[in-house]
Structures are given as structure tokens and as C-alpha cells.
């Protein structure tokens, strides 16, 4: 499954989620919405707000600390 992780610089939750995904060898594409402003617009269209971290797959959107609560369910 392909995941997109939306992040911003200096976000401790983003850092924790990135670290978890890397430790679990879960492949993801990270998009920093501060470095890619069009990604913020895309994120707003997908979830009706601009917040990080957000993990998106084809059929799932997981926001914030909920990503870490999904341990074992993200593959």
C-alpha cells in the first residue's frame, strides 16, 4: 500500500510518525507542506483542513496522534 505523509518542519508529532514508519519499514512519500505550498492546497481539498501530520492511503486518512495509535494496522 502506498502512503503519503504530510508534514511540516519542527512538528514533534510529524517527527514521531516519520520515525515510526521508518522503524517499521513502511514505505511512504513525505510531503512537507511548507516547502511545497501546492501540497497544502491539495491537503485542504482532501480533508477540508490543513493540519499535520496526516497519513493518506488510497482508502484511508489518519490524522495527528491517531497515526501512532494505529500501530500494527498500518502495513
N, C-alpha and C. Protein backbone atom coordinates (compact mmCIF):
# COMPACT_ATOMS: atom_id res chain seq x y z
N UNK A 1 0.84 -1.17 0.00
CA UNK A 1 0.00 0.00 0.00
C UNK A 1 0.89 1.24 0.00
N UNK A 2 0.52 2.22 -0.78
CA UNK A 2 1.29 3.46 -0.86
C UNK A 2 0.72 4.49 0.11
N UNK A 3 1.59 5.09 0.90
CA UNK A 3 1.19 6.10 1.86
C UNK A 3 1.83 7.44 1.51
N UNK A 4 1.11 8.51 1.76
CA UNK A 4 1.65 9.86 1.67
C UNK A 4 1.57 10.45 3.07
N UNK A 5 2.68 10.97 3.55
CA UNK A 5 2.74 11.59 4.87
C UNK A 5 2.95 13.08 4.69
N UNK A 6 1.98 13.87 5.10
CA UNK A 6 2.09 15.33 5.05
C UNK A 6 2.67 15.81 6.37
N UNK A 7 3.73 16.63 6.28
CA UNK A 7 4.43 17.10 7.47
C UNK A 7 4.76 18.58 7.33
N UNK A 8 5.27 19.15 8.44
CA UNK A 8 5.90 20.48 8.42
C UNK A 8 7.16 20.41 9.27
N UNK A 9 8.06 21.34 9.05
CA UNK A 9 9.29 21.41 9.84
C UNK A 9 8.96 21.76 11.28
N UNK A 10 9.67 21.16 12.23
CA UNK A 10 9.53 21.50 13.62
C UNK A 10 8.33 20.88 14.32
N UNK A 11 7.65 19.97 13.67
CA UNK A 11 6.46 19.32 14.23
C UNK A 11 6.89 18.04 14.94
N UNK A 12 6.72 17.99 16.26
CA UNK A 12 7.17 16.81 17.01
C UNK A 12 6.34 15.57 16.66
N UNK A 13 5.04 15.74 16.45
CA UNK A 13 4.22 14.59 16.05
C UNK A 13 4.65 14.07 14.68
N UNK A 14 4.97 14.99 13.77
CA UNK A 14 5.44 14.58 12.44
C UNK A 14 6.72 13.75 12.57
N UNK A 15 7.62 14.21 13.44
CA UNK A 15 8.88 13.50 13.66
C UNK A 15 8.63 12.09 14.22
N UNK A 16 7.72 11.99 15.19
CA UNK A 16 7.42 10.68 15.79
C UNK A 16 6.81 9.73 14.76
N UNK A 17 5.91 10.25 13.94
CA UNK A 17 5.26 9.41 12.92
C UNK A 17 6.27 8.97 11.88
N UNK A 18 7.11 9.88 11.41
CA UNK A 18 8.15 9.54 10.43
C UNK A 18 9.06 8.45 10.98
N UNK A 19 9.49 8.63 12.24
CA UNK A 19 10.37 7.66 12.89
C UNK A 19 9.70 6.29 12.98
N UNK A 20 8.42 6.27 13.35
CA UNK A 20 7.69 5.00 13.45
C UNK A 20 7.61 4.31 12.08
N UNK A 21 7.24 5.05 11.05
CA UNK A 21 7.12 4.45 9.71
C UNK A 21 8.45 3.89 9.22
N UNK A 22 9.53 4.62 9.49
CA UNK A 22 10.86 4.14 9.09
C UNK A 22 11.25 2.89 9.87
N UNK A 23 11.00 2.87 11.19
CA UNK A 23 11.34 1.71 12.01
C UNK A 23 10.59 0.46 11.57
N UNK A 24 9.36 0.65 11.15
CA UNK A 24 8.51 -0.47 10.73
C UNK A 24 8.67 -0.82 9.26
N UNK A 25 9.59 -0.12 8.58
CA UNK A 25 9.83 -0.34 7.15
C UNK A 25 8.55 -0.21 6.32
N UNK A 26 7.74 0.78 6.69
CA UNK A 26 6.51 1.06 5.95
C UNK A 26 6.85 2.13 4.92
N UNK A 27 6.74 1.81 3.64
CA UNK A 27 7.10 2.80 2.62
C UNK A 27 6.10 3.96 2.57
N UNK A 28 6.64 5.16 2.44
CA UNK A 28 5.79 6.34 2.36
C UNK A 28 6.53 7.44 1.61
N UNK A 29 5.75 8.34 1.05
CA UNK A 29 6.27 9.54 0.41
C UNK A 29 5.97 10.68 1.36
N UNK A 30 7.00 11.40 1.78
CA UNK A 30 6.80 12.52 2.69
C UNK A 30 6.70 13.81 1.89
N UNK A 31 5.68 14.60 2.20
CA UNK A 31 5.50 15.89 1.56
C UNK A 31 5.43 16.95 2.65
N UNK A 32 6.39 17.84 2.63
CA UNK A 32 6.45 18.95 3.58
C UNK A 32 5.63 20.09 2.99
N UNK A 33 4.52 20.44 3.63
CA UNK A 33 3.62 21.44 3.06
C UNK A 33 4.19 22.86 3.14
N UNK A 34 5.23 23.08 3.95
CA UNK A 34 5.88 24.39 3.99
C UNK A 34 6.82 24.56 2.80
N UNK A 35 7.40 23.46 2.36
CA UNK A 35 8.31 23.51 1.22
C UNK A 35 7.58 23.32 -0.11
N UNK A 36 6.36 22.83 -0.03
CA UNK A 36 5.55 22.58 -1.22
C UNK A 36 4.14 23.15 -0.98
N UNK A 37 3.98 24.46 -1.14
CA UNK A 37 2.70 25.10 -0.83
C UNK A 37 1.50 24.52 -1.59
N UNK A 38 1.71 24.01 -2.78
CA UNK A 38 0.58 23.42 -3.51
C UNK A 38 0.07 22.16 -2.80
N UNK A 39 0.94 21.52 -2.01
CA UNK A 39 0.53 20.35 -1.25
C UNK A 39 -0.45 20.73 -0.15
N UNK A 40 -0.29 21.93 0.41
CA UNK A 40 -1.23 22.40 1.43
C UNK A 40 -2.62 22.57 0.82
N UNK A 41 -2.67 23.07 -0.38
CA UNK A 41 -3.95 23.22 -1.09
C UNK A 41 -4.57 21.85 -1.36
N UNK A 42 -3.74 20.92 -1.78
CA UNK A 42 -4.19 19.55 -2.05
C UNK A 42 -4.72 18.90 -0.76
N UNK A 43 -4.01 19.10 0.34
CA UNK A 43 -4.43 18.55 1.63
C UNK A 43 -5.77 19.15 2.06
N UNK A 44 -5.93 20.45 1.87
CA UNK A 44 -7.20 21.13 2.20
C UNK A 44 -8.36 20.52 1.41
N UNK A 45 -8.13 20.22 0.14
CA UNK A 45 -9.16 19.60 -0.69
C UNK A 45 -9.51 18.19 -0.21
N UNK A 46 -8.51 17.47 0.27
CA UNK A 46 -8.73 16.07 0.68
C UNK A 46 -9.42 15.94 2.02
N UNK A 47 -9.04 16.80 2.99
CA UNK A 47 -9.58 16.62 4.34
C UNK A 47 -10.25 17.87 4.90
N UNK A 48 -10.39 18.88 4.09
CA UNK A 48 -11.07 20.13 4.47
C UNK A 48 -10.36 20.94 5.55
N UNK A 49 -9.09 20.68 5.76
CA UNK A 49 -8.29 21.50 6.67
C UNK A 49 -6.82 21.26 6.37
N UNK A 50 -5.99 22.14 6.89
CA UNK A 50 -4.55 21.99 6.74
C UNK A 50 -3.98 21.75 8.13
N UNK A 51 -3.57 20.51 8.35
CA UNK A 51 -3.04 20.07 9.64
C UNK A 51 -1.99 19.00 9.36
N UNK A 52 -1.05 18.85 10.27
CA UNK A 52 -0.04 17.80 10.12
C UNK A 52 0.17 17.15 11.47
N UNK A 53 0.64 15.93 11.50
CA UNK A 53 0.84 15.03 10.36
C UNK A 53 -0.47 14.43 9.89
N UNK A 54 -0.48 14.09 8.62
CA UNK A 54 -1.61 13.38 8.01
C UNK A 54 -1.03 12.26 7.17
N UNK A 55 -1.55 11.06 7.37
CA UNK A 55 -1.12 9.90 6.60
C UNK A 55 -2.30 9.47 5.74
N UNK A 56 -2.07 9.44 4.43
CA UNK A 56 -3.15 9.13 3.49
C UNK A 56 -2.74 7.94 2.63
N UNK A 57 -3.67 7.02 2.47
CA UNK A 57 -3.53 5.93 1.50
C UNK A 57 -4.73 6.00 0.58
N UNK A 58 -4.86 5.04 -0.29
CA UNK A 58 -5.96 5.04 -1.25
C UNK A 58 -7.32 5.10 -0.56
N UNK A 59 -7.46 4.40 0.55
CA UNK A 59 -8.78 4.28 1.18
C UNK A 59 -8.82 4.76 2.63
N UNK A 60 -7.79 5.46 3.07
CA UNK A 60 -7.71 5.80 4.48
C UNK A 60 -7.03 7.15 4.70
N UNK A 61 -7.55 7.91 5.66
CA UNK A 61 -6.93 9.16 6.09
C UNK A 61 -6.80 9.10 7.61
N UNK A 62 -5.56 9.23 8.10
CA UNK A 62 -5.31 9.18 9.53
C UNK A 62 -4.61 10.49 9.91
N UNK A 63 -5.12 11.15 10.93
CA UNK A 63 -4.64 12.49 11.28
C UNK A 63 -4.00 12.50 12.67
N UNK A 64 -2.89 13.23 12.78
CA UNK A 64 -2.26 13.51 14.06
C UNK A 64 -1.81 12.28 14.82
N UNK A 65 -2.01 12.33 16.14
CA UNK A 65 -1.57 11.24 17.02
C UNK A 65 -2.28 9.93 16.73
N UNK A 66 -3.41 9.99 16.04
CA UNK A 66 -4.12 8.75 15.69
C UNK A 66 -3.26 7.83 14.85
N UNK A 67 -2.29 8.40 14.12
CA UNK A 67 -1.39 7.58 13.31
C UNK A 67 -0.62 6.62 14.22
N UNK A 68 -0.14 7.13 15.34
CA UNK A 68 0.63 6.29 16.26
C UNK A 68 -0.26 5.28 16.97
N UNK A 69 -1.53 5.59 17.13
CA UNK A 69 -2.47 4.66 17.76
C UNK A 69 -2.82 3.49 16.83
N UNK A 70 -2.52 3.63 15.55
CA UNK A 70 -2.84 2.61 14.55
C UNK A 70 -1.70 1.60 14.39
N UNK A 71 -0.73 1.64 15.28
CA UNK A 71 0.39 0.71 15.18
C UNK A 71 -0.11 -0.71 15.01
N UNK A 72 0.47 -1.42 14.09
CA UNK A 72 0.07 -2.78 13.81
C UNK A 72 -1.00 -2.87 12.74
N UNK A 73 -1.74 -1.79 12.54
CA UNK A 73 -2.77 -1.78 11.50
C UNK A 73 -2.27 -1.15 10.21
N UNK A 74 -1.18 -0.39 10.30
CA UNK A 74 -0.58 0.23 9.11
C UNK A 74 0.45 -0.72 8.56
N UNK A 75 0.28 -1.12 7.36
CA UNK A 75 1.25 -2.03 6.72
C UNK A 75 1.59 -1.53 5.35
